């Protein structure tokens, strides 16, 4: 069983910063991909950023240059530093970990609200 616990969401003004954390526990395959996704009201869940266990990173175009993803493999924890936040970044942010053979697990989500 794998559990993901997210923290760090909240309310911030436009231009501000937040840092999300997600700690994974349980039987996690060493070679994996951890990432952040978000879902705004009335929209589909979309990728924000992913990072592999060997450090390869992928960002959505909408967050490039503003968000930074990182991870601590020893702690099975992934972080998302969000700077220069915009109202359109408002969404529920979900953490995900996945590895080969289709294993994929999600956190419960954390709300990020950016006021204009």
C-alpha atoms as a PDB file:
ATOM      1  CA  UNK A   1       0.000   0.000   0.000  1.00  0.00           C
ATOM      2  CA  UNK A   2       1.271   3.462  -0.928  1.00  0.00           C
ATOM      3  CA  UNK A   3       0.186   6.681   0.715  1.00  0.00           C
ATOM      4  CA  UNK A   4       0.879  10.250  -0.379  1.00  0.00           C
ATOM      5  CA  UNK A   5       0.460  13.138   2.031  1.00  0.00           C
ATOM      6  CA  UNK A   6       0.503  16.656   0.625  1.00  0.00           C
ATOM      7  CA  UNK A   7       0.975  19.908   2.479  1.00  0.00           C
ATOM      8  CA  UNK A   8       1.680  23.554   1.822  1.00  0.00           C
ATOM      9  CA  UNK A   9      -1.370  24.824  -0.010  1.00  0.00           C
ATOM     10  CA  UNK A  10      -3.195  27.979   0.929  1.00  0.00           C
ATOM     11  CA  UNK A  11      -4.274  31.451  -0.079  1.00  0.00           C
ATOM     12  CA  UNK A  12      -1.781  33.888  -1.545  1.00  0.00           C
ATOM     13  CA  UNK A  13      -1.917  37.138  -3.467  1.00  0.00           C
ATOM     14  CA  UNK A  14      -0.898  37.324  -7.097  1.00  0.00           C
ATOM     15  CA  UNK A  15       2.866  37.548  -7.381  1.00  0.00           C
ATOM     16  CA  UNK A  16       3.381  35.601  -4.183  1.00  0.00           C
ATOM     17  CA  UNK A  17       4.947  32.219  -3.516  1.00  0.00           C
ATOM     18  CA  UNK A  18       3.990  28.889  -2.021  1.00  0.00           C
ATOM     19  CA  UNK A  19       5.858  25.632  -1.499  1.00  0.00           C
ATOM     20  CA  UNK A  20       4.064  22.314  -1.728  1.00  0.00           C
ATOM     21  CA  UNK A  21       5.414  19.096  -0.240  1.00  0.00           C
ATOM     22  CA  UNK A  22       4.350  15.497  -0.774  1.00  0.00           C
ATOM     23  CA  UNK A  23       5.672  12.618   1.288  1.00  0.00           C
ATOM     24  CA  UNK A  24       5.203   9.097  -0.036  1.00  0.00           C
ATOM     25  CA  UNK A  25       5.242   6.018   2.162  1.00  0.00           C
ATOM     26  CA  UNK A  26       4.758   2.292   1.658  1.00  0.00           C
ATOM     27  CA  UNK A  27       6.087  -0.094  -0.951  1.00  0.00           C
ATOM     28  CA  UNK A  28       7.539   2.287  -3.514  1.00  0.00           C
ATOM     29  CA  UNK A  29       9.616   1.035  -6.422  1.00  0.00           C
ATOM     30  CA  UNK A  30      12.991   2.725  -6.359  1.00  0.00           C
ATOM     31  CA  UNK A  31      12.879   3.833 -10.000  1.00  0.00           C
ATOM     32  CA  UNK A  32       9.787   6.019 -10.207  1.00  0.00           C
ATOM     33  CA  UNK A  33       8.331   9.299 -11.376  1.00  0.00           C
ATOM     34  CA  UNK A  34       6.905  11.778  -8.892  1.00  0.00           C
ATOM     35  CA  UNK A  35       4.932  14.766  -9.969  1.00  0.00           C
ATOM     36  CA  UNK A  36       2.320  17.417  -9.455  1.00  0.00           C
ATOM     37  CA  UNK A  37      -0.951  17.816 -11.289  1.00  0.00           C
ATOM     38  CA  UNK A  38      -3.720  20.342 -10.804  1.00  0.00           C
ATOM     39  CA  UNK A  39      -7.413  20.600 -11.431  1.00  0.00           C
ATOM     40  CA  UNK A  40      -9.307  23.875 -11.573  1.00  0.00           C
ATOM     41  CA  UNK A  41     -13.110  24.005 -11.220  1.00  0.00           C
ATOM     42  CA  UNK A  42     -14.794  22.810 -14.393  1.00  0.00           C
ATOM     43  CA  UNK A  43     -11.510  21.750 -15.986  1.00  0.00           C
ATOM     44  CA  UNK A  44      -9.663  18.499 -16.467  1.00  0.00           C
ATOM     45  CA  UNK A  45      -6.714  17.535 -14.336  1.00  0.00           C
ATOM     46  CA  UNK A  46      -3.493  18.679 -15.993  1.00  0.00           C
ATOM     47  CA  UNK A  47       0.189  18.046 -15.556  1.00  0.00           C
ATOM     48  CA  UNK A  48       2.214  20.714 -13.749  1.00  0.00           C
ATOM     49  CA  UNK A  49       5.636  19.094 -13.382  1.00  0.00           C
ATOM     50  CA  UNK A  50       7.261  15.689 -13.014  1.00  0.00           C
ATOM     51  CA  UNK A  51      10.655  14.485 -11.850  1.00  0.00           C
ATOM     52  CA  UNK A  52      12.135  11.017 -12.194  1.00  0.00           C
ATOM     53  CA  UNK A  53      14.184   9.239  -9.547  1.00  0.00           C
ATOM     54  CA  UNK A  54      17.332  10.035 -11.540  1.00  0.00           C
ATOM     55  CA  UNK A  55      16.439  13.735 -11.771  1.00  0.00           C
ATOM     56  CA  UNK A  56      14.903  14.232 -15.198  1.00  0.00           C
ATOM     57  CA  UNK A  57      12.349  17.046 -15.075  1.00  0.00           C
ATOM     58  CA  UNK A  58       9.380  18.048 -17.191  1.00  0.00           C
ATOM     59  CA  UNK A  59       7.256  21.192 -16.819  1.00  0.00           C
ATOM     60  CA  UNK A  60       4.014  22.358 -18.335  1.00  0.00           C
ATOM     61  CA  UNK A  61       4.623  25.394 -20.538  1.00  0.00           C
ATOM     62  CA  UNK A  62       2.327  27.484 -18.342  1.00  0.00           C
ATOM     63  CA  UNK A  63       4.602  27.156 -15.301  1.00  0.00           C
ATOM     64  CA  UNK A  64       8.069  27.168 -16.861  1.00  0.00           C
ATOM     65  CA  UNK A  65      10.288  29.787 -15.277  1.00  0.00           C
ATOM     66  CA  UNK A  66       7.957  30.215 -12.290  1.00  0.00           C
ATOM     67  CA  UNK A  67       7.697  26.766 -10.678  1.00  0.00           C
ATOM     68  CA  UNK A  68      10.515  24.468  -9.591  1.00  0.00           C
ATOM     69  CA  UNK A  69      10.101  20.782  -8.818  1.00  0.00           C
ATOM     70  CA  UNK A  70      12.608  18.876  -6.706  1.00  0.00           C
ATOM     71  CA  UNK A  71      12.759  15.665  -4.709  1.00  0.00           C
ATOM     72  CA  UNK A  72      14.547  13.974  -1.850  1.00  0.00           C
ATOM     73  CA  UNK A  73      14.889  10.303  -2.744  1.00  0.00           C
ATOM     74  CA  UNK A  74      15.945   9.327   0.770  1.00  0.00           C
ATOM     75  CA  UNK A  75      12.664  10.710   2.109  1.00  0.00           C
ATOM     76  CA  UNK A  76      10.484   9.778  -0.890  1.00  0.00           C
ATOM     77  CA  UNK A  77       9.369  13.393  -0.892  1.00  0.00           C
ATOM     78  CA  UNK A  78       8.686  15.722  -3.787  1.00  0.00           C
ATOM     79  CA  UNK A  79       8.452  19.511  -3.583  1.00  0.00           C
ATOM     80  CA  UNK A  80       6.978  22.211  -5.774  1.00  0.00           C
ATOM     81  CA  UNK A  81       8.238  25.754  -5.291  1.00  0.00           C
ATOM     82  CA  UNK A  82       5.739  28.107  -6.891  1.00  0.00           C
ATOM     83  CA  UNK A  83       6.789  31.709  -7.493  1.00  0.00           C
ATOM     84  CA  UNK A  84       5.126  34.605  -9.301  1.00  0.00           C
ATOM     85  CA  UNK A  85       1.755  32.993  -8.775  1.00  0.00           C
ATOM     86  CA  UNK A  86      -1.152  34.069 -10.951  1.00  0.00           C
ATOM     87  CA  UNK A  87      -4.911  33.804 -10.379  1.00  0.00           C
ATOM     88  CA  UNK A  88      -5.018  31.182 -13.138  1.00  0.00           C
ATOM     89  CA  UNK A  89      -2.811  28.945 -10.974  1.00  0.00           C
ATOM     90  CA  UNK A  90      -5.768  28.523  -8.610  1.00  0.00           C
ATOM     91  CA  UNK A  91      -6.608  24.825  -8.430  1.00  0.00           C
ATOM     92  CA  UNK A  92      -6.444  21.716  -6.314  1.00  0.00           C
ATOM     93  CA  UNK A  93      -2.921  20.377  -6.617  1.00  0.00           C
ATOM     94  CA  UNK A  94      -2.409  16.618  -6.542  1.00  0.00           C
ATOM     95  CA  UNK A  95       0.760  14.657  -5.979  1.00  0.00           C
ATOM     96  CA  UNK A  96       1.378  11.473  -7.961  1.00  0.00           C
ATOM     97  CA  UNK A  97       3.944   8.691  -7.918  1.00  0.00           C
ATOM     98  CA  UNK A  98       4.104   6.053 -10.611  1.00  0.00           C
ATOM     99  CA  UNK A  99       6.398   3.376 -11.963  1.00  0.00           C
ATOM    100  CA  UNK A 100       6.439   0.596 -14.526  1.00  0.00           C
ATOM    101  CA  UNK A 101       3.654  -1.919 -15.000  1.00  0.00           C
ATOM    102  CA  UNK A 102       1.018   0.769 -14.484  1.00  0.00           C
ATOM    103  CA  UNK A 103       1.397   1.435 -10.800  1.00  0.00           C
ATOM    104  CA  UNK A 104       0.119   4.941 -10.036  1.00  0.00           C
ATOM    105  CA  UNK A 105      -0.922   6.538  -6.754  1.00  0.00           C
ATOM    106  CA  UNK A 106      -2.466   9.914  -5.927  1.00  0.00           C
ATOM    107  CA  UNK A 107      -2.564  12.155  -2.904  1.00  0.00           C
ATOM    108  CA  UNK A 108      -5.742  13.677  -1.544  1.00  0.00           C
ATOM    109  CA  UNK A 109      -5.034  17.092  -3.033  1.00  0.00           C
ATOM    110  CA  UNK A 110      -4.261  20.497  -1.553  1.00  0.00           C
ATOM    111  CA  UNK A 111      -6.022  23.729  -2.462  1.00  0.00           C
ATOM    112  CA  UNK A 112      -4.027  26.631  -3.868  1.00  0.00           C
ATOM    113  CA  UNK A 113      -5.908  29.902  -4.247  1.00  0.00           C
ATOM    114  CA  UNK A 114      -4.311  32.968  -5.807  1.00  0.00           C
ATOM    115  CA  UNK A 115      -6.185  36.218  -5.363  1.00  0.00           C
ATOM    116  CA  UNK A 116      -5.873  39.094  -7.810  1.00  0.00           C
END
